[in-house]
Amino acid sequence: LEQMGKIINLPPGEYVKSFRVLLSTFAVADTR
């Protein structure tokens, strides 16, 4: 959760990569 907080606070140039990483992580967790 602390790391996700850091990810969402990255600069806008990182938003697309952050979205990819966060959504892929959520997909695994939600499937479980």
Full PDB file with SEQRES, HELIX, SHEET, SSBOND, CRYST1, ORIGX, SCALE, CONECT and MASTER records, all heavy atoms in Angstrom:
SEQRES   1 A   32  LEU GLU GLN MET GLY LYS ILE ILE ASN LEU PRO PRO GLY          
SEQRES   2 A   32  GLU TYR VAL LYS SER PHE ARG VAL LEU LEU SER THR PHE          
SEQRES   3 A   32  ALA VAL ALA ASP THR ARG                                      
HELIX    1 AA1 GLU A    2  ILE A    8  1                                   7    
HELIX    2 AA2 PRO A   12  GLU A   14  5                                   3    
HELIX    3 AA3 TYR A   15  THR A   31  1                                  17    
CRYST1    1.000    1.000    1.000  90.00  90.00  90.00 P 1           1          
ORIGX1      1.000000  0.000000  0.000000        0.00000                         
ORIGX2      0.000000  1.000000  0.000000        0.00000                         
ORIGX3      0.000000  0.000000  1.000000        0.00000                         
SCALE1      1.000000  0.000000  0.000000        0.00000                         
SCALE2      0.000000  1.000000  0.000000        0.00000                         
SCALE3      0.000000  0.000000  1.000000        0.00000                         
ATOM      1  N   LEU A   1       0.823  -1.210   0.000  1.00  0.00           N  
ATOM      2  CA  LEU A   1       0.000   0.000   0.000  1.00  0.00           C  
ATOM      3  C   LEU A   1       0.855   1.258   0.000  1.00  0.00           C  
ATOM      4  O   LEU A   1       0.523   2.242  -0.668  1.00  0.00           O  
ATOM      5  CB  LEU A   1      -0.969  -0.006   1.173  1.00  0.00           C  
ATOM      6  CG  LEU A   1      -2.022  -1.110   1.140  1.00  0.00           C  
ATOM      7  CD1 LEU A   1      -2.941  -1.014   2.348  1.00  0.00           C  
ATOM      8  CD2 LEU A   1      -2.814  -1.071  -0.146  1.00  0.00           C  
ATOM      9  N   GLU A   2       1.957   1.228   0.713  1.00  0.00           N  
ATOM     10  CA  GLU A   2       2.873   2.370   0.699  1.00  0.00           C  
ATOM     11  C   GLU A   2       3.469   2.548  -0.697  1.00  0.00           C  
ATOM     12  O   GLU A   2       3.591   3.669  -1.196  1.00  0.00           O  
ATOM     13  CB  GLU A   2       3.986   2.140   1.723  1.00  0.00           C  
ATOM     14  CG  GLU A   2       4.965   3.292   1.810  1.00  0.00           C  
ATOM     15  CD  GLU A   2       6.036   3.035   2.855  1.00  0.00           C  
ATOM     16  OE1 GLU A   2       5.695   2.560   3.958  1.00  0.00           O  
ATOM     17  OE2 GLU A   2       7.214   3.311   2.555  1.00  0.00           O  
ATOM     18  N   GLN A   3       3.812   1.451  -1.334  1.00  0.00           N  
ATOM     19  CA  GLN A   3       4.392   1.520  -2.679  1.00  0.00           C  
ATOM     20  C   GLN A   3       3.367   2.025  -3.699  1.00  0.00           C  
ATOM     21  O   GLN A   3       3.694   2.811  -4.585  1.00  0.00           O  
ATOM     22  CB  GLN A   3       4.952   0.155  -3.098  1.00  0.00           C  
ATOM     23  CG  GLN A   3       5.997  -0.410  -2.159  1.00  0.00           C  
ATOM     24  CD  GLN A   3       7.106   0.566  -1.809  1.00  0.00           C  
ATOM     25  OE1 GLN A   3       7.601   1.300  -2.663  1.00  0.00           O  
ATOM     26  NE2 GLN A   3       7.496   0.583  -0.549  1.00  0.00           N  
ATOM     27  N   MET A   4       2.109   1.591  -3.552  1.00  0.00           N  
ATOM     28  CA  MET A   4       1.062   2.090  -4.450  1.00  0.00           C  
ATOM     29  C   MET A   4       0.879   3.595  -4.256  1.00  0.00           C  
ATOM     30  O   MET A   4       0.646   4.319  -5.228  1.00  0.00           O  
ATOM     31  CB  MET A   4      -0.248   1.350  -4.212  1.00  0.00           C  
ATOM     32  CG  MET A   4      -0.252  -0.055  -4.740  1.00  0.00           C  
ATOM     33  SD  MET A   4      -1.864  -0.833  -4.469  1.00  0.00           S  
ATOM     34  CE  MET A   4      -1.655  -2.327  -5.400  1.00  0.00           C  
ATOM     35  N   GLY A   5       0.993   4.055  -3.021  1.00  0.00           N  
ATOM     36  CA  GLY A   5       0.923   5.485  -2.749  1.00  0.00           C  
ATOM     37  C   GLY A   5       2.023   6.242  -3.465  1.00  0.00           C  
ATOM     38  O   GLY A   5       1.804   7.335  -4.008  1.00  0.00           O  
ATOM     39  N   LYS A   6       3.218   5.669  -3.486  1.00  0.00           N  
ATOM     40  CA  LYS A   6       4.331   6.291  -4.209  1.00  0.00           C  
ATOM     41  C   LYS A   6       4.060   6.301  -5.712  1.00  0.00           C  
ATOM     42  O   LYS A   6       4.364   7.270  -6.403  1.00  0.00           O  
ATOM     43  CB  LYS A   6       5.640   5.551  -3.918  1.00  0.00           C  
ATOM     44  CG  LYS A   6       6.130   5.735  -2.498  1.00  0.00           C  
ATOM     45  CD  LYS A   6       7.386   4.911  -2.261  1.00  0.00           C  
ATOM     46  CE  LYS A   6       7.861   5.025  -0.827  1.00  0.00           C  
ATOM     47  NZ  LYS A   6       9.059   4.186  -0.572  1.00  0.00           N  
ATOM     48  N   ILE A   7       3.499   5.214  -6.212  1.00  0.00           N  
ATOM     49  CA  ILE A   7       3.224   5.111  -7.653  1.00  0.00           C  
ATOM     50  C   ILE A   7       2.234   6.185  -8.091  1.00  0.00           C  
ATOM     51  O   ILE A   7       2.443   6.849  -9.108  1.00  0.00           O  
ATOM     52  CB  ILE A   7       2.722   3.697  -8.027  1.00  0.00           C  
ATOM     53  CG1 ILE A   7       3.852   2.687  -7.858  1.00  0.00           C  
ATOM     54  CG2 ILE A   7       2.170   3.669  -9.451  1.00  0.00           C  
ATOM     55  CD1 ILE A   7       3.421   1.230  -7.947  1.00  0.00           C  
ATOM     56  N   ILE A   8       1.157   6.372  -7.335  1.00  0.00           N  
ATOM     57  CA  ILE A   8       0.156   7.361  -7.770  1.00  0.00           C  
ATOM     58  C   ILE A   8       0.653   8.787  -7.598  1.00  0.00           C  
ATOM     59  O   ILE A   8       0.051   9.711  -8.143  1.00  0.00           O  
ATOM     60  CB  ILE A   8      -1.218   7.172  -7.079  1.00  0.00           C  
ATOM     61  CG1 ILE A   8      -1.112   7.321  -5.582  1.00  0.00           C  
ATOM     62  CG2 ILE A   8      -1.846   5.850  -7.489  1.00  0.00           C  
ATOM     63  CD1 ILE A   8      -2.446   7.248  -4.859  1.00  0.00           C  
ATOM     64  N   ASN A   9       1.753   8.962  -6.884  1.00  0.00           N  
ATOM     65  CA  ASN A   9       2.333  10.297  -6.728  1.00  0.00           C  
ATOM     66  C   ASN A   9       3.514  10.548  -7.657  1.00  0.00           C  
ATOM     67  O   ASN A   9       4.179  11.577  -7.534  1.00  0.00           O  
ATOM     68  CB  ASN A   9       2.729  10.528  -5.268  1.00  0.00           C  
ATOM     69  CG  ASN A   9       1.504  10.759  -4.405  1.00  0.00           C  
ATOM     70  OD1 ASN A   9       0.674  11.604  -4.723  1.00  0.00           O  
ATOM     71  ND2 ASN A   9       1.376   9.996  -3.339  1.00  0.00           N  
ATOM     72  N   LEU A  10       3.755   9.630  -8.590  1.00  0.00           N  
ATOM     73  CA  LEU A  10       4.792   9.865  -9.589  1.00  0.00           C  
ATOM     74  C   LEU A  10       4.345  11.000 -10.514  1.00  0.00           C  
ATOM     75  O   LEU A  10       3.149  11.287 -10.619  1.00  0.00           O  
ATOM     76  CB  LEU A  10       5.057   8.584 -10.395  1.00  0.00           C  
ATOM     77  CG  LEU A  10       5.730   7.447  -9.625  1.00  0.00           C  
ATOM     78  CD1 LEU A  10       5.752   6.175 -10.454  1.00  0.00           C  
ATOM     79  CD2 LEU A  10       7.150   7.850  -9.211  1.00  0.00           C  
ATOM     80  N   PRO A  11       5.274  11.627 -11.214  1.00  0.00           N  
ATOM     81  CA  PRO A  11       4.901  12.729 -12.115  1.00  0.00           C  
ATOM     82  C   PRO A  11       4.036  12.249 -13.287  1.00  0.00           C  
ATOM     83  O   PRO A  11       4.043  11.058 -13.632  1.00  0.00           O  
ATOM     84  CB  PRO A  11       6.238  13.280 -12.598  1.00  0.00           C  
ATOM     85  CG  PRO A  11       7.262  12.270 -12.250  1.00  0.00           C  
ATOM     86  CD  PRO A  11       6.703  11.390 -11.165  1.00  0.00           C  
ATOM     87  N   PRO A  12       3.287  13.168 -13.905  1.00  0.00           N  
ATOM     88  CA  PRO A  12       2.383  12.808 -15.005  1.00  0.00           C  
ATOM     89  C   PRO A  12       3.031  12.010 -16.136  1.00  0.00           C  
ATOM     90  O   PRO A  12       2.363  11.178 -16.757  1.00  0.00           O  
ATOM     91  CB  PRO A  12       1.877  14.162 -15.509  1.00  0.00           C  
ATOM     92  CG  PRO A  12       1.940  15.042 -14.295  1.00  0.00           C  
ATOM     93  CD  PRO A  12       3.174  14.587 -13.552  1.00  0.00           C  
ATOM     94  N   GLY A  13       4.301  12.206 -16.377  1.00  0.00           N  
ATOM     95  CA  GLY A  13       4.984  11.437 -17.424  1.00  0.00           C  
ATOM     96  C   GLY A  13       5.036   9.948 -17.133  1.00  0.00           C  
ATOM     97  O   GLY A  13       5.307   9.145 -18.024  1.00  0.00           O  
ATOM     98  N   GLU A  14       4.751   9.568 -15.893  1.00  0.00           N  
ATOM     99  CA  GLU A  14       4.757   8.161 -15.474  1.00  0.00           C  
ATOM    100  C   GLU A  14       3.353   7.568 -15.375  1.00  0.00           C  
ATOM    101  O   GLU A  14       3.198   6.395 -15.039  1.00  0.00           O  
ATOM    102  CB  GLU A  14       5.453   8.028 -14.113  1.00  0.00           C  
ATOM    103  CG  GLU A  14       6.907   8.452 -14.103  1.00  0.00           C  
ATOM    104  CD  GLU A  14       7.805   7.457 -14.815  1.00  0.00           C  
ATOM    105  OE1 GLU A  14       7.634   6.250 -14.606  1.00  0.00           O  
ATOM    106  OE2 GLU A  14       8.666   7.898 -15.585  1.00  0.00           O  
ATOM    107  N   TYR A  15       2.323   8.358 -15.629  1.00  0.00           N  
ATOM    108  CA  TYR A  15       0.942   7.911 -15.410  1.00  0.00           C  
ATOM    109  C   TYR A  15       0.573   6.676 -16.234  1.00  0.00           C  
ATOM    110  O   TYR A  15      -0.065   5.766 -15.713  1.00  0.00           O  
ATOM    111  CB  TYR A  15      -0.056   9.031 -15.703  1.00  0.00           C  
ATOM    112  CG  TYR A  15      -0.172  10.093 -14.627  1.00  0.00           C  
ATOM    113  CD1 TYR A  15       0.589  10.075 -13.460  1.00  0.00           C  
ATOM    114  CD2 TYR A  15      -1.060  11.139 -14.784  1.00  0.00           C  
ATOM    115  CE1 TYR A  15       0.473  11.052 -12.494  1.00  0.00           C  
ATOM    116  CE2 TYR A  15      -1.196  12.129 -13.813  1.00  0.00           C  
ATOM    117  CZ  TYR A  15      -0.426  12.075 -12.671  1.00  0.00           C  
ATOM    118  OH  TYR A  15      -0.554  13.050 -11.716  1.00  0.00           O  
ATOM    119  N   VAL A  16       0.940   6.627 -17.499  1.00  0.00           N  
ATOM    120  CA  VAL A  16       0.537   5.478 -18.322  1.00  0.00           C  
ATOM    121  C   VAL A  16       1.219   4.208 -17.822  1.00  0.00           C  
ATOM    122  O   VAL A  16       0.565   3.166 -17.677  1.00  0.00           O  
ATOM    123  CB  VAL A  16       0.813   5.725 -19.821  1.00  0.00           C  
ATOM    124  CG1 VAL A  16       0.610   4.453 -20.633  1.00  0.00           C  
ATOM    125  CG2 VAL A  16      -0.083   6.839 -20.353  1.00  0.00           C  
ATOM    126  N   LYS A  17       2.513   4.279 -17.524  1.00  0.00           N  
ATOM    127  CA  LYS A  17       3.208   3.099 -16.981  1.00  0.00           C  
ATOM    128  C   LYS A  17       2.613   2.714 -15.632  1.00  0.00           C  
ATOM    129  O   LYS A  17       2.425   1.527 -15.345  1.00  0.00           O  
ATOM    130  CB  LYS A  17       4.707   3.377 -16.841  1.00  0.00           C  
ATOM    131  CG  LYS A  17       5.435   3.423 -18.170  1.00  0.00           C  
ATOM    132  CD  LYS A  17       6.907   3.653 -17.970  1.00  0.00           C  
ATOM    133  CE  LYS A  17       7.097   5.144 -17.886  1.00  0.00           C  
ATOM    134  NZ  LYS A  17       8.463   5.615 -17.998  1.00  0.00           N  
ATOM    135  N   SER A  18       2.298   3.710 -14.825  1.00  0.00           N  
ATOM    136  CA  SER A  18       1.688   3.441 -13.517  1.00  0.00           C  
ATOM    137  C   SER A  18       0.337   2.761 -13.674  1.00  0.00           C  
ATOM    138  O   SER A  18       0.022   1.806 -12.950  1.00  0.00           O  
ATOM    139  CB  SER A  18       1.529   4.750 -12.741  1.00  0.00           C  
ATOM    140  OG  SER A  18       2.794   5.326 -12.476  1.00  0.00           O  
ATOM    141  N   PHE A  19      -0.466   3.238 -14.616  1.00  0.00           N  
ATOM    142  CA  PHE A  19      -1.776   2.635 -14.877  1.00  0.00           C  
ATOM    143  C   PHE A  19      -1.611   1.178 -15.278  1.00  0.00           C  
ATOM    144  O   PHE A  19      -2.313   0.300 -14.769  1.00  0.00           O  
ATOM    145  CB  PHE A  19      -2.503   3.432 -15.964  1.00  0.00           C  
ATOM    146  CG  PHE A  19      -3.847   2.887 -16.329  1.00  0.00           C  
ATOM    147  CD1 PHE A  19      -4.918   2.942 -15.439  1.00  0.00           C  
ATOM    148  CD2 PHE A  19      -4.067   2.325 -17.584  1.00  0.00           C  
ATOM    149  CE1 PHE A  19      -6.178   2.452 -15.785  1.00  0.00           C  
ATOM    150  CE2 PHE A  19      -5.314   1.832 -17.941  1.00  0.00           C  
ATOM    151  CZ  PHE A  19      -6.372   1.895 -17.037  1.00  0.00           C  
ATOM    152  N   ARG A  20      -0.675   0.905 -16.175  1.00  0.00           N  
ATOM    153  CA  ARG A  20      -0.437  -0.467 -16.624  1.00  0.00           C  
ATOM    154  C   ARG A  20      -0.072  -1.377 -15.447  1.00  0.00           C  
ATOM    155  O   ARG A  20      -0.613  -2.472 -15.299  1.00  0.00           O  
ATOM    156  CB  ARG A  20       0.685  -0.510 -17.668  1.00  0.00           C  
ATOM    157  CG  ARG A  20       0.322   0.035 -19.013  1.00  0.00           C  
ATOM    158  CD  ARG A  20       1.573   0.064 -19.925  1.00  0.00           C  
ATOM    159  NE  ARG A  20       1.201   0.214 -21.303  1.00  0.00           N  
ATOM    160  CZ  ARG A  20       0.796  -0.774 -22.096  1.00  0.00           C  
ATOM    161  NH1 ARG A  20       0.693  -2.000 -21.638  1.00  0.00           N  
ATOM    162  NH2 ARG A  20       0.465  -0.534 -23.352  1.00  0.00           N  
ATOM    163  N   VAL A  21       0.853  -0.914 -14.618  1.00  0.00           N  
ATOM    164  CA  VAL A  21       1.328  -1.717 -13.489  1.00  0.00           C  
ATOM    165  C   VAL A  21       0.224  -1.910 -12.457  1.00  0.00           C  
ATOM    166  O   VAL A  21      -0.022  -3.028 -11.989  1.00  0.00           O  
ATOM    167  CB  VAL A  21       2.581  -1.054 -12.867  1.00  0.00           C  
ATOM    168  CG1 VAL A  21       2.912  -1.660 -11.512  1.00  0.00           C  
ATOM    169  CG2 VAL A  21       3.767  -1.164 -13.818  1.00  0.00           C  
ATOM    170  N   LEU A  22      -0.447  -0.829 -12.094  1.00  0.00           N  
ATOM    171  CA  LEU A  22      -1.504  -0.928 -11.078  1.00  0.00           C  
ATOM    172  C   LEU A  22      -2.676  -1.771 -11.563  1.00  0.00           C  
ATOM    173  O   LEU A  22      -3.206  -2.598 -10.810  1.00  0.00           O  
ATOM    174  CB  LEU A  22      -1.979   0.465 -10.674  1.00  0.00           C  
ATOM    175  CG  LEU A  22      -0.978   1.299  -9.885  1.00  0.00           C  
ATOM    176  CD1 LEU A  22      -1.470   2.737  -9.756  1.00  0.00           C  
ATOM    177  CD2 LEU A  22      -0.694   0.689  -8.529  1.00  0.00           C  
ATOM    178  N   LEU A  23      -3.089  -1.588 -12.805  1.00  0.00           N  
ATOM    179  CA  LEU A  23      -4.224  -2.346 -13.323  1.00  0.00           C  
ATOM    180  C   LEU A  23      -3.885  -3.827 -13.449  1.00  0.00           C  
ATOM    181  O   LEU A  23      -4.704  -4.687 -13.129  1.00  0.00           O  
ATOM    182  CB  LEU A  23      -4.686  -1.769 -14.665  1.00  0.00           C  
ATOM    183  CG  LEU A  23      -5.933  -2.396 -15.275  1.00  0.00           C  
ATOM    184  CD1 LEU A  23      -7.095  -2.449 -14.289  1.00  0.00           C  
ATOM    185  CD2 LEU A  23      -6.337  -1.629 -16.535  1.00  0.00           C  
ATOM    186  N   SER A  24      -2.680  -4.138 -13.863  1.00  0.00           N  
ATOM    187  CA  SER A  24      -2.272  -5.542 -13.969  1.00  0.00           C  
ATOM    188  C   SER A  24      -2.200  -6.207 -12.594  1.00  0.00           C  
ATOM    189  O   SER A  24      -2.574  -7.367 -12.443  1.00  0.00           O  
ATOM    190  CB  SER A  24      -0.919  -5.639 -14.684  1.00  0.00           C  
ATOM    191  OG  SER A  24      -1.037  -5.172 -16.004  1.00  0.00           O  
ATOM    192  N   THR A  25      -1.748  -5.458 -11.604  1.00  0.00           N  
ATOM    193  CA  THR A  25      -1.709  -5.976 -10.232  1.00  0.00           C  
ATOM    194  C   THR A  25      -3.128  -6.199  -9.717  1.00  0.00           C  
ATOM    195  O   THR A  25      -3.434  -7.242  -9.134  1.00  0.00           O  
ATOM    196  CB  THR A  25      -0.947  -4.999  -9.310  1.00  0.00           C  
ATOM    197  OG1 THR A  25       0.393  -4.876  -9.797  1.00  0.00           O  
ATOM    198  CG2 THR A  25      -0.946  -5.480  -7.870  1.00  0.00           C  
ATOM    199  N   PHE A  26      -4.002  -5.217  -9.958  1.00  0.00           N  
ATOM    200  CA  PHE A  26      -5.395  -5.362  -9.541  1.00  0.00           C  
ATOM    201  C   PHE A  26      -6.039  -6.571 -10.213  1.00  0.00           C  
ATOM    202  O   PHE A  26      -6.774  -7.326  -9.566  1.00  0.00           O  
ATOM    203  CB  PHE A  26      -6.205  -4.099  -9.859  1.00  0.00           C  
ATOM    204  CG  PHE A  26      -7.684  -4.309  -9.724  1.00  0.00           C  
ATOM    205  CD1 PHE A  26      -8.244  -4.556  -8.480  1.00  0.00           C  
ATOM    206  CD2 PHE A  26      -8.507  -4.295 -10.834  1.00  0.00           C  
ATOM    207  CE1 PHE A  26      -9.615  -4.781  -8.352  1.00  0.00           C  
ATOM    208  CE2 PHE A  26      -9.869  -4.514 -10.725  1.00  0.00           C  
ATOM    209  CZ  PHE A  26     -10.430  -4.764  -9.480  1.00  0.00           C  
ATOM    210  N   ALA A  27      -5.766  -6.776 -11.483  1.00  0.00           N  
ATOM    211  CA  ALA A  27      -6.368  -7.899 -12.210  1.00  0.00           C  
ATOM    212  C   ALA A  27      -6.023  -9.227 -11.545  1.00  0.00           C  
ATOM    213  O   ALA A  27      -6.884 -10.106 -11.399  1.00  0.00           O  
ATOM    214  CB  ALA A  27      -5.919  -7.888 -13.674  1.00  0.00           C  
ATOM    215  N   VAL A  28      -4.784  -9.375 -11.121  1.00  0.00           N  
ATOM    216  CA  VAL A  28      -4.370 -10.615 -10.445  1.00  0.00           C  
ATOM    217  C   VAL A  28      -5.096 -10.746  -9.109  1.00  0.00           C  
ATOM    218  O   VAL A  28      -5.659 -11.798  -8.795  1.00  0.00           O  
ATOM    219  CB  VAL A  28      -2.835 -10.642 -10.252  1.00  0.00           C  
ATOM    220  CG1 VAL A  28      -2.419 -11.831  -9.384  1.00  0.00           C  
ATOM    221  CG2 VAL A  28      -2.127 -10.687 -11.597  1.00  0.00           C  
ATOM    222  N   ALA A  29      -5.094  -9.674  -8.319  1.00  0.00           N  
ATOM    223  CA  ALA A  29      -5.733  -9.710  -6.999  1.00  0.00           C  
ATOM    224  C   ALA A  29      -7.235  -9.947  -7.115  1.00  0.00           C  
ATOM    225  O   ALA A  29      -7.812 -10.729  -6.356  1.00  0.00           O  
ATOM    226  CB  ALA A  29      -5.457  -8.411  -6.249  1.00  0.00           C  
ATOM    227  N   ASP A  30      -7.880  -9.282  -8.066  1.00  0.00           N  
ATOM    228  CA  ASP A  30      -9.323  -9.420  -8.218  1.00  0.00           C  
ATOM    229  C   ASP A  30      -9.706 -10.808  -8.716  1.00  0.00           C  
ATOM    230  O   ASP A  30     -10.725 -11.352  -8.307  1.00  0.00           O  
ATOM    231  CB  ASP A  30      -9.857  -8.335  -9.164  1.00  0.00           C  
ATOM    232  CG  ASP A  30     -11.368  -8.287  -9.165  1.00  0.00           C  
ATOM    233  OD1 ASP A  30     -11.956  -8.030  -8.084  1.00  0.00           O  
ATOM    234  OD2 ASP A  30     -11.976  -8.509 -10.232  1.00  0.00           O  
ATOM    235  N   THR A  31      -8.887 -11.377  -9.581  1.00  0.00           N  
ATOM    236  CA  THR A  31      -9.151 -12.743 -10.053  1.00  0.00           C  
ATOM    237  C   THR A  31      -9.131 -13.704  -8.868  1.00  0.00           C  
ATOM    238  O   THR A  31     -10.024 -14.549  -8.729  1.00  0.00           O  
ATOM    239  CB  THR A  31      -8.127 -13.164 -11.117  1.00  0.00           C  
ATOM    240  OG1 THR A  31      -8.277 -12.295 -12.246  1.00  0.00           O  
ATOM    241  CG2 THR A  31      -8.324 -14.608 -11.548  1.00  0.00           C  
ATOM    242  N   ARG A  32      -8.135 -13.549  -8.007  1.00  0.00           N  
ATOM    243  CA  ARG A  32      -8.064 -14.394  -6.811  1.00  0.00           C  
ATOM    244  C   ARG A  32      -9.306 -14.200  -5.950  1.00  0.00           C  
ATOM    245  O   ARG A  32      -9.913 -15.165  -5.482  1.00  0.00           O  
ATOM    246  CB  ARG A  32      -6.792 -14.072  -6.005  1.00  0.00           C  
ATOM    247  CG  ARG A  32      -6.618 -14.993  -4.802  1.00  0.00           C  
ATOM    248  CD  ARG A  32      -5.449 -14.623  -3.910  1.00  0.00           C  
ATOM    249  NE  ARG A  32      -5.648 -13.307  -3.310  1.00  0.00           N  
ATOM    250  CZ  ARG A  32      -4.980 -12.208  -3.642  1.00  0.00           C  
ATOM    251  NH1 ARG A  32      -4.064 -12.253  -4.591  1.00  0.00           N  
ATOM    252  NH2 ARG A  32      -5.227 -11.058  -3.042  1.00  0.00           N  
TER     253      ARG A  32                                                      
MASTER        0    0    0    3    0    0    0    6  252    1    0    3          
END                                                                             
